[in-house]
Amino acid sequence: MPTTGEKPGAGVYTCTKCGQTVVLDDDTDTLPPCPRCNNTEFS
């Protein structure tokens, strides 16, 4: 389960709390906190 601060690679990540998606365009991008609820865990 990817969490905020990790670099899980390019892709679409879904917040485990509210379902908001975060898109990372590059393998070097760092996963931010959820922009909607500030949760730190994604699937």
Protein backbone atom coordinates (compact mmCIF):
# COMPACT_ATOMS: atom_id res chain seq x y z
CA MET A 1 0.00 0.00 0.00
CA PRO A 2 1.68 3.24 -1.14
CA THR A 3 1.84 6.07 1.40
CA THR A 4 2.60 9.80 1.28
CA GLY A 5 6.29 10.54 0.73
CA GLU A 6 6.99 7.38 -1.26
CA LYS A 7 7.86 7.24 -4.95
CA PRO A 8 5.65 4.33 -6.07
CA GLY A 9 6.03 5.04 -9.78
CA ALA A 10 3.84 6.56 -12.47
CA GLY A 11 0.15 5.68 -12.24
CA VAL A 12 -3.18 6.47 -10.66
CA TYR A 13 -3.51 6.04 -6.89
CA THR A 14 -6.79 6.03 -4.98
CA CYS A 15 -7.16 7.34 -1.43
CA THR A 16 -8.19 4.53 0.93
CA LYS A 17 -10.33 6.94 2.99
CA CYS A 18 -12.33 9.07 0.52
CA GLY A 19 -11.65 7.58 -2.93
CA GLN A 20 -9.98 10.68 -4.40
CA THR A 21 -7.48 9.79 -7.14
CA VAL A 22 -3.96 11.16 -7.48
CA VAL A 23 -2.09 10.82 -10.78
CA LEU A 24 1.69 10.56 -10.83
CA ASP A 25 3.13 11.23 -14.28
CA ASP A 26 6.72 10.22 -13.62
CA ASP A 27 8.55 7.47 -11.70
CA THR A 28 10.39 10.14 -9.69
CA ASP A 29 7.20 11.91 -8.46
CA THR A 30 6.54 11.73 -4.72
CA LEU A 31 3.06 10.75 -3.57
CA PRO A 32 1.42 13.73 -1.83
CA PRO A 33 -1.21 13.62 0.92
CA CYS A 34 -4.75 13.25 -0.42
CA PRO A 35 -5.83 16.65 -1.75
CA ARG A 36 -9.40 16.11 -0.49
CA CYS A 37 -9.02 14.63 3.01
CA ASN A 38 -5.26 14.74 3.74
CA ASN A 39 -5.10 10.95 4.19
CA THR A 40 -1.70 9.35 3.59
CA GLU A 41 -2.58 5.82 2.37
CA PHE A 42 -3.46 4.87 -1.20
CA SER A 43 -4.25 1.76 -3.20
